[in-house]
Amino acid sequence: MKLLMIYCNRFGYKPQVKSLPDFPDFHDEKIFENTLVAFIQMEKEDEANPKYFETKLVKSLKWAAKKNETNHIILHSFAHLSVSKATPHITKDLFDSVELRLHNAGYQCVQTPFGYFLDIEVKAPGRSSARIFKSF
């Protein structure tokens, strides 16, 4: 799994091109403030033990959110961090499980539209804790 976390003063998206027809349609654009955005790529080899990667992801997100003093987290599928890609449905299941665990832990967590290329707006402060990369 590859994980790029960026704390954003402002993050916005607008769905542009649907790339995975099996997933729901989205048309609304959204804007968020003071949020941790997780650019996540689940890799093919991660499919053998999704619970392990779910736990690692939740712990990393909670740690980075605390470090950046926010309880808002956005999960974004970003299949550009590695050449290895897990199947979309397994990745979406992981996102749903992570979102539920974060909600149960008191975080406000949402997902960007799964299976879309998005126009994105990122406004991030220039400090080291605002950009964190992890590879599990």
N, C-alpha and C. Protein backbone atom coordinates (compact mmCIF):
# COMPACT_ATOMS: atom_id res chain seq x y z
N MET A 1 0.85 -1.17 0.00
CA MET A 1 0.00 0.00 0.00
C MET A 1 0.89 1.23 0.00
N LYS A 2 0.48 2.19 -0.76
CA LYS A 2 1.13 3.50 -0.80
C LYS A 2 0.12 4.53 -0.29
N LEU A 3 0.62 5.46 0.52
CA LEU A 3 -0.23 6.45 1.15
C LEU A 3 0.48 7.79 1.17
N LEU A 4 -0.11 8.77 0.51
CA LEU A 4 0.37 10.14 0.55
C LEU A 4 -0.69 10.96 1.27
N MET A 5 -0.32 11.54 2.41
CA MET A 5 -1.26 12.35 3.20
C MET A 5 -0.86 13.81 3.09
N ILE A 6 -1.83 14.64 2.73
CA ILE A 6 -1.60 16.08 2.62
C ILE A 6 -2.64 16.79 3.47
N TYR A 7 -2.17 17.53 4.46
CA TYR A 7 -3.08 18.37 5.23
C TYR A 7 -3.39 19.59 4.37
N CYS A 8 -4.68 19.90 4.21
CA CYS A 8 -5.10 21.00 3.35
C CYS A 8 -5.90 22.03 4.13
N ASN A 9 -5.52 23.29 3.95
CA ASN A 9 -6.37 24.37 4.44
C ASN A 9 -7.68 24.36 3.67
N ARG A 10 -7.55 23.97 2.38
CA ARG A 10 -8.72 23.90 1.50
C ARG A 10 -8.48 22.78 0.49
N PHE A 11 -9.50 21.94 0.32
CA PHE A 11 -9.46 20.88 -0.67
C PHE A 11 -10.82 20.82 -1.35
N GLY A 12 -10.81 20.79 -2.66
CA GLY A 12 -12.06 20.70 -3.40
C GLY A 12 -11.93 19.73 -4.56
N TYR A 13 -13.07 19.20 -4.98
CA TYR A 13 -13.06 18.34 -6.15
C TYR A 13 -14.35 18.52 -6.95
N LYS A 14 -14.24 18.18 -8.22
CA LYS A 14 -15.38 18.15 -9.12
C LYS A 14 -15.20 16.94 -10.03
N PRO A 15 -16.17 16.00 -10.03
CA PRO A 15 -16.05 14.83 -10.90
C PRO A 15 -16.01 15.25 -12.37
N GLN A 16 -15.09 14.61 -13.13
CA GLN A 16 -14.94 14.93 -14.55
C GLN A 16 -15.18 13.72 -15.44
N VAL A 17 -14.36 12.68 -15.27
CA VAL A 17 -14.45 11.51 -16.15
C VAL A 17 -14.62 10.27 -15.29
N LYS A 18 -15.70 9.54 -15.55
CA LYS A 18 -15.92 8.27 -14.85
C LYS A 18 -15.08 7.20 -15.53
N SER A 19 -14.22 6.56 -14.75
CA SER A 19 -13.32 5.55 -15.30
C SER A 19 -13.72 4.12 -14.94
N LEU A 20 -14.60 3.96 -13.95
CA LEU A 20 -15.03 2.63 -13.52
C LEU A 20 -16.56 2.58 -13.55
N PRO A 21 -17.15 1.98 -14.57
CA PRO A 21 -18.62 2.02 -14.72
C PRO A 21 -19.39 1.27 -13.65
N ASP A 22 -18.75 0.38 -12.89
CA ASP A 22 -19.46 -0.41 -11.86
C ASP A 22 -19.84 0.40 -10.62
N PHE A 23 -19.35 1.62 -10.50
CA PHE A 23 -19.55 2.39 -9.28
C PHE A 23 -20.57 3.50 -9.52
N PRO A 24 -21.16 4.03 -8.43
CA PRO A 24 -22.22 5.04 -8.57
C PRO A 24 -21.78 6.30 -9.31
N ASP A 25 -22.77 6.95 -9.91
CA ASP A 25 -22.54 8.22 -10.59
C ASP A 25 -22.50 9.36 -9.56
N PHE A 26 -21.62 10.32 -9.81
CA PHE A 26 -21.52 11.52 -8.98
C PHE A 26 -21.41 12.73 -9.90
N HIS A 27 -22.01 13.81 -9.48
CA HIS A 27 -21.95 15.03 -10.28
C HIS A 27 -21.60 16.26 -9.45
N ASP A 28 -21.82 16.17 -8.15
CA ASP A 28 -21.64 17.33 -7.28
C ASP A 28 -20.18 17.61 -6.99
N GLU A 29 -19.84 18.89 -6.97
CA GLU A 29 -18.50 19.26 -6.52
C GLU A 29 -18.58 19.59 -5.05
N LYS A 30 -17.46 19.43 -4.35
CA LYS A 30 -17.40 19.63 -2.90
C LYS A 30 -16.16 20.44 -2.55
N ILE A 31 -16.27 21.18 -1.46
CA ILE A 31 -15.15 21.95 -0.90
C ILE A 31 -15.05 21.60 0.59
N PHE A 32 -13.83 21.39 1.06
CA PHE A 32 -13.58 21.09 2.47
C PHE A 32 -12.49 22.02 2.97
N GLU A 33 -12.51 22.31 4.26
CA GLU A 33 -11.47 23.13 4.87
C GLU A 33 -10.88 22.39 6.06
N ASN A 34 -9.60 22.66 6.30
CA ASN A 34 -8.89 22.08 7.45
C ASN A 34 -9.09 20.57 7.53
N THR A 35 -8.58 19.89 6.52
CA THR A 35 -8.79 18.45 6.42
C THR A 35 -7.50 17.74 5.99
N LEU A 36 -7.40 16.50 6.39
CA LEU A 36 -6.31 15.65 5.95
C LEU A 36 -6.82 14.85 4.76
N VAL A 37 -6.13 14.96 3.63
CA VAL A 37 -6.52 14.22 2.43
C VAL A 37 -5.54 13.06 2.26
N ALA A 38 -6.08 11.86 2.19
CA ALA A 38 -5.27 10.65 2.03
C ALA A 38 -5.38 10.16 0.59
N PHE A 39 -4.28 10.25 -0.14
CA PHE A 39 -4.18 9.72 -1.50
C PHE A 39 -3.68 8.28 -1.33
N ILE A 40 -4.55 7.31 -1.62
CA ILE A 40 -4.28 5.92 -1.25
C ILE A 40 -4.24 5.03 -2.49
N GLN A 41 -3.22 4.18 -2.54
CA GLN A 41 -3.18 3.14 -3.56
C GLN A 41 -2.99 1.80 -2.88
N MET A 42 -4.02 0.99 -2.97
CA MET A 42 -3.91 -0.40 -2.52
C MET A 42 -3.27 -1.17 -3.67
N GLU A 43 -2.26 -1.97 -3.34
CA GLU A 43 -1.54 -2.72 -4.37
C GLU A 43 -2.04 -4.17 -4.45
N LYS A 44 -1.76 -4.81 -5.55
CA LYS A 44 -2.24 -6.17 -5.81
C LYS A 44 -1.85 -7.12 -4.67
N GLU A 45 -0.62 -7.02 -4.21
CA GLU A 45 -0.17 -7.93 -3.14
C GLU A 45 -0.86 -7.68 -1.81
N ASP A 46 -1.49 -6.52 -1.65
CA ASP A 46 -2.22 -6.20 -0.42
C ASP A 46 -3.53 -6.99 -0.30
N GLU A 47 -4.02 -7.49 -1.42
CA GLU A 47 -5.29 -8.22 -1.42
C GLU A 47 -5.25 -9.47 -0.56
N ALA A 48 -4.05 -10.02 -0.34
CA ALA A 48 -3.92 -11.25 0.45
C ALA A 48 -4.22 -11.03 1.93
N ASN A 49 -4.10 -9.79 2.41
CA ASN A 49 -4.32 -9.51 3.84
C ASN A 49 -4.93 -8.13 4.03
N PRO A 50 -6.15 -7.89 3.54
CA PRO A 50 -6.74 -6.55 3.61
C PRO A 50 -6.94 -6.02 5.03
N LYS A 51 -7.20 -6.88 6.01
CA LYS A 51 -7.39 -6.42 7.40
C LYS A 51 -6.11 -5.80 7.95
N TYR A 52 -4.97 -6.38 7.61
CA TYR A 52 -3.69 -5.83 8.04
C TYR A 52 -3.52 -4.41 7.51
N PHE A 53 -3.80 -4.23 6.23
CA PHE A 53 -3.63 -2.91 5.62
C PHE A 53 -4.68 -1.92 6.10
N GLU A 54 -5.86 -2.41 6.40
CA GLU A 54 -6.90 -1.56 6.99
C GLU A 54 -6.42 -0.98 8.32
N THR A 55 -5.87 -1.83 9.17
CA THR A 55 -5.38 -1.39 10.48
C THR A 55 -4.22 -0.41 10.33
N LYS A 56 -3.27 -0.72 9.46
CA LYS A 56 -2.13 0.18 9.22
C LYS A 56 -2.61 1.54 8.71
N LEU A 57 -3.57 1.53 7.81
CA LEU A 57 -4.09 2.76 7.23
C LEU A 57 -4.81 3.60 8.29
N VAL A 58 -5.67 2.98 9.07
CA VAL A 58 -6.39 3.71 10.12
C VAL A 58 -5.41 4.33 11.11
N LYS A 59 -4.43 3.57 11.57
CA LYS A 59 -3.44 4.10 12.52
C LYS A 59 -2.67 5.27 11.94
N SER A 60 -2.26 5.16 10.68
CA SER A 60 -1.51 6.24 10.03
C SER A 60 -2.36 7.50 9.87
N LEU A 61 -3.61 7.33 9.50
CA LEU A 61 -4.50 8.48 9.31
C LEU A 61 -4.79 9.18 10.63
N LYS A 62 -5.03 8.42 11.67
CA LYS A 62 -5.27 9.02 12.99
C LYS A 62 -4.04 9.78 13.47
N TRP A 63 -2.86 9.20 13.28
CA TRP A 63 -1.61 9.84 13.69
C TRP A 63 -1.41 11.15 12.94
N ALA A 64 -1.58 11.14 11.61
CA ALA A 64 -1.37 12.35 10.80
C ALA A 64 -2.43 13.41 11.09
N ALA A 65 -3.66 12.98 11.33
CA ALA A 65 -4.72 13.94 11.67
C ALA A 65 -4.40 14.63 12.99
N LYS A 66 -3.96 13.85 13.97
CA LYS A 66 -3.59 14.43 15.26
C LYS A 66 -2.42 15.39 15.10
N LYS A 67 -1.42 15.00 14.33
CA LYS A 67 -0.25 15.85 14.11
C LYS A 67 -0.62 17.18 13.46
N ASN A 68 -1.68 17.18 12.65
CA ASN A 68 -2.13 18.39 11.97
C ASN A 68 -3.36 19.02 12.63
N GLU A 69 -3.71 18.53 13.81
CA GLU A 69 -4.78 19.11 14.63
C GLU A 69 -6.11 19.21 13.88
N THR A 70 -6.51 18.09 13.28
CA THR A 70 -7.80 18.03 12.62
C THR A 70 -8.46 16.69 12.90
N ASN A 71 -9.78 16.65 12.83
CA ASN A 71 -10.48 15.37 12.91
C ASN A 71 -11.26 15.11 11.61
N HIS A 72 -10.93 15.86 10.57
CA HIS A 72 -11.54 15.70 9.25
C HIS A 72 -10.56 14.96 8.33
N ILE A 73 -11.03 13.87 7.75
CA ILE A 73 -10.19 13.05 6.87
C ILE A 73 -10.96 12.72 5.59
N ILE A 74 -10.27 12.86 4.46
CA ILE A 74 -10.84 12.51 3.16
C ILE A 74 -10.04 11.36 2.58
N LEU A 75 -10.73 10.30 2.15
CA LEU A 75 -10.09 9.16 1.51
C LEU A 75 -10.24 9.32 0.00
N HIS A 76 -9.11 9.28 -0.71
CA HIS A 76 -9.12 9.45 -2.16
C HIS A 76 -8.31 8.34 -2.80
N SER A 77 -8.95 7.57 -3.68
CA SER A 77 -8.25 6.53 -4.41
C SER A 77 -7.36 7.18 -5.45
N PHE A 78 -6.06 6.89 -5.35
CA PHE A 78 -5.07 7.54 -6.21
C PHE A 78 -4.15 6.47 -6.76
N ALA A 79 -4.55 5.85 -7.86
CA ALA A 79 -3.82 4.71 -8.41
C ALA A 79 -2.65 5.15 -9.29
N HIS A 80 -1.86 6.09 -8.77
CA HIS A 80 -0.70 6.60 -9.52
C HIS A 80 0.57 6.59 -8.67
N LEU A 81 0.52 5.90 -7.53
CA LEU A 81 1.67 5.87 -6.64
C LEU A 81 2.52 4.61 -6.82
N SER A 82 2.02 3.66 -7.62
CA SER A 82 2.73 2.40 -7.84
C SER A 82 2.20 1.77 -9.13
N VAL A 83 3.00 0.89 -9.72
CA VAL A 83 2.52 0.19 -10.91
C VAL A 83 1.59 -0.97 -10.54
N SER A 84 1.65 -1.42 -9.29
CA SER A 84 0.81 -2.51 -8.82
C SER A 84 -0.53 -1.96 -8.34
N LYS A 85 -1.62 -2.54 -8.84
CA LYS A 85 -2.95 -2.05 -8.47
C LYS A 85 -3.84 -3.20 -8.00
N ALA A 86 -4.49 -3.01 -6.87
CA ALA A 86 -5.48 -3.98 -6.41
C ALA A 86 -6.74 -3.82 -7.26
N THR A 87 -7.61 -4.82 -7.21
CA THR A 87 -8.86 -4.72 -7.95
C THR A 87 -9.73 -3.63 -7.32
N PRO A 88 -10.49 -2.91 -8.14
CA PRO A 88 -11.27 -1.78 -7.63
C PRO A 88 -12.25 -2.14 -6.51
N HIS A 89 -12.95 -3.27 -6.61
CA HIS A 89 -13.94 -3.61 -5.59
C HIS A 89 -13.28 -3.91 -4.23
N ILE A 90 -12.12 -4.53 -4.24
CA ILE A 90 -11.41 -4.79 -2.98
C ILE A 90 -10.93 -3.46 -2.38
N THR A 91 -10.45 -2.56 -3.22
CA THR A 91 -10.03 -1.24 -2.74
C THR A 91 -11.21 -0.48 -2.15
N LYS A 92 -12.34 -0.51 -2.82
CA LYS A 92 -13.53 0.21 -2.32
C LYS A 92 -14.00 -0.39 -1.00
N ASP A 93 -13.96 -1.71 -0.87
CA ASP A 93 -14.32 -2.35 0.40
C ASP A 93 -13.41 -1.88 1.52
N LEU A 94 -12.11 -1.78 1.23
CA LEU A 94 -11.15 -1.27 2.23
C LEU A 94 -11.52 0.16 2.63
N PHE A 95 -11.80 1.02 1.66
CA PHE A 95 -12.18 2.41 1.95
C PHE A 95 -13.41 2.46 2.84
N ASP A 96 -14.41 1.64 2.54
CA ASP A 96 -15.64 1.63 3.34
C ASP A 96 -15.36 1.21 4.78
N SER A 97 -14.51 0.19 4.95
CA SER A 97 -14.16 -0.27 6.30
C SER A 97 -13.37 0.79 7.07
N VAL A 98 -12.43 1.44 6.40
CA VAL A 98 -11.62 2.48 7.04
C VAL A 98 -12.52 3.66 7.42
N GLU A 99 -13.41 4.06 6.53
CA GLU A 99 -14.31 5.17 6.84
C GLU A 99 -15.16 4.86 8.07
N LEU A 100 -15.70 3.67 8.15
CA LEU A 100 -16.52 3.27 9.30
C LEU A 100 -15.70 3.29 10.59
N ARG A 101 -14.50 2.74 10.55
CA ARG A 101 -13.65 2.72 11.75
C ARG A 101 -13.31 4.14 12.21
N LEU A 102 -13.03 5.02 11.26
CA LEU A 102 -12.71 6.40 11.63
C LEU A 102 -13.93 7.11 12.20
N HIS A 103 -15.10 6.89 11.61
CA HIS A 103 -16.34 7.46 12.18
C HIS A 103 -16.54 6.96 13.61
N ASN A 104 -16.35 5.67 13.82
CA ASN A 104 -16.53 5.09 15.15
C ASN A 104 -15.52 5.63 16.17
N ALA A 105 -14.39 6.13 15.69
CA ALA A 105 -13.36 6.70 16.56
C ALA A 105 -13.53 8.22 16.72
N GLY A 106 -14.61 8.78 16.17
CA GLY A 106 -14.89 10.20 16.37
C GLY A 106 -14.39 11.14 15.29
N TYR A 107 -13.92 10.58 14.19
CA TYR A 107 -13.44 11.41 13.07
C TYR A 107 -14.57 11.66 12.08
N GLN A 108 -14.50 12.79 11.41
CA GLN A 108 -15.39 13.07 10.28
C GLN A 108 -14.63 12.61 9.04
N CYS A 109 -15.14 11.59 8.40
CA CYS A 109 -14.44 10.98 7.27
C CYS A 109 -15.39 10.86 6.09
N VAL A 110 -14.90 11.22 4.91
CA VAL A 110 -15.65 11.07 3.67
C VAL A 110 -14.72 10.51 2.60
N GLN A 111 -15.32 10.02 1.55
CA GLN A 111 -14.57 9.53 0.40
C GLN A 111 -14.87 10.40 -0.81
N THR A 112 -13.87 10.61 -1.65
CA THR A 112 -14.13 11.24 -2.93
C THR A 112 -14.84 10.21 -3.81
N PRO A 113 -15.52 10.64 -4.87
CA PRO A 113 -16.21 9.69 -5.74
C PRO A 113 -15.24 8.64 -6.28
N PHE A 114 -15.56 7.39 -6.01
CA PHE A 114 -14.68 6.28 -6.40
C PHE A 114 -14.87 5.98 -7.88
N GLY A 115 -13.76 5.83 -8.60
CA GLY A 115 -13.83 5.49 -10.01
C GLY A 115 -13.95 6.68 -10.92
N TYR A 116 -13.53 7.85 -10.43
CA TYR A 116 -13.58 9.08 -11.22
C TYR A 116 -12.22 9.75 -11.29
N PHE A 117 -11.97 10.41 -12.41
CA PHE A 117 -10.92 11.41 -12.47
C PHE A 117 -11.58 12.71 -12.07
N LEU A 118 -10.94 13.44 -11.17
CA LEU A 118 -11.52 14.64 -10.60
C LEU A 118 -10.67 15.86 -10.92
N ASP A 119 -11.33 16.99 -11.11
CA ASP A 119 -10.62 18.26 -11.01
C ASP A 119 -10.43 18.46 -9.51
N ILE A 120 -9.20 18.74 -9.08
CA ILE A 120 -8.99 18.95 -7.65
C ILE A 120 -8.33 20.30 -7.39
N GLU A 121 -8.64 20.82 -6.22
CA GLU A 121 -8.03 22.05 -5.72
C GLU A 121 -7.37 21.69 -4.40
N VAL A 122 -6.09 22.00 -4.29
CA VAL A 122 -5.34 21.69 -3.07
C VAL A 122 -4.63 22.96 -2.62
N LYS A 123 -4.94 23.38 -1.40
CA LYS A 123 -4.23 24.50 -0.79
C LYS A 123 -3.67 23.97 0.52
N ALA A 124 -2.35 23.80 0.54
CA ALA A 124 -1.70 23.18 1.70
C ALA A 124 -0.62 24.10 2.24
N PRO A 125 -0.49 24.15 3.57
CA PRO A 125 0.55 24.99 4.17
C PRO A 125 1.95 24.40 3.95
N GLY A 126 2.93 25.28 4.00
CA GLY A 126 4.32 24.86 3.78
C GLY A 126 5.00 24.44 5.06
N ARG A 127 4.59 23.30 5.59
CA ARG A 127 5.27 22.74 6.77
C ARG A 127 5.39 21.23 6.58
N SER A 128 6.38 20.65 7.20
CA SER A 128 6.68 19.23 6.96
C SER A 128 5.54 18.30 7.37
N SER A 129 4.81 18.60 8.43
CA SER A 129 3.74 17.70 8.87
C SER A 129 2.54 17.72 7.92
N ALA A 130 2.52 18.67 6.97
CA ALA A 130 1.41 18.75 6.03
C ALA A 130 1.56 17.77 4.86
N ARG A 131 2.72 17.13 4.73
CA ARG A 131 2.96 16.19 3.64
C ARG A 131 3.71 14.97 4.19
N ILE A 132 3.01 13.84 4.18
CA ILE A 132 3.60 12.62 4.75
C ILE A 132 3.34 11.46 3.80
N PHE A 133 4.39 10.70 3.50
CA PHE A 133 4.27 9.53 2.64
C PHE A 133 4.57 8.27 3.45
N LYS A 134 3.77 7.23 3.23
CA LYS A 134 4.00 5.93 3.88
C LYS A 134 3.87 4.83 2.84
N SER A 135 4.65 3.81 3.02
CA SER A 135 4.56 2.61 2.20
C SER A 135 4.50 1.43 3.15
N PHE A 136 3.46 0.61 3.06
CA PHE A 136 3.32 -0.54 3.95
C PHE A 136 3.57 -1.81 3.16
